[in-house]
Amino acid sequence: MMVLFRGEIFKLESDKVMKEARSSITVFSKDYASSGWCLYVLVTIPQAKKKTSEHLILPAFYQVDPSQVRNQEGSFAEAFDRQQEEVEKETDEGKKEGLKERLQGLRATLREVVDLAGMLV
């Protein structure tokens, strides 16, 4: 079992961990969507599932309702609104388009992982 902490060489290690992991537990909390670190990891989880159907994904919800996460309401809406504002500030149209696509992908990935809540373990 590997456990990573924020100060480690994260990107390289997280990719390695996801290749070796047989399961992922994602703990959604009120400030989850405000963390770029959490969102980076979130994107890697479904990718691991696509590589091997045996990869188990278990979403958990800490002091947040699953519907708030799925529908990006409350603190999730606020976090994505802030990110959207940052995208709109971008003056390079090519970069702006890429950021918009990334944000849409994050929203879709968030819904995808949350929708696994009905999975029996």
Foldseek 3Di string as FASTA:
>chain_A
DDDDDDVDPPPVVLVVCLLVAQEEEAEDELCQLLDPSNLVSLLSQVVSCVVPVRYYYEYHYDHDDLVCQLVLDDSRVVSLVVLLVVLVPDPPPVVSVVSVVVSVVSNVSSNVRSVCNPPDD
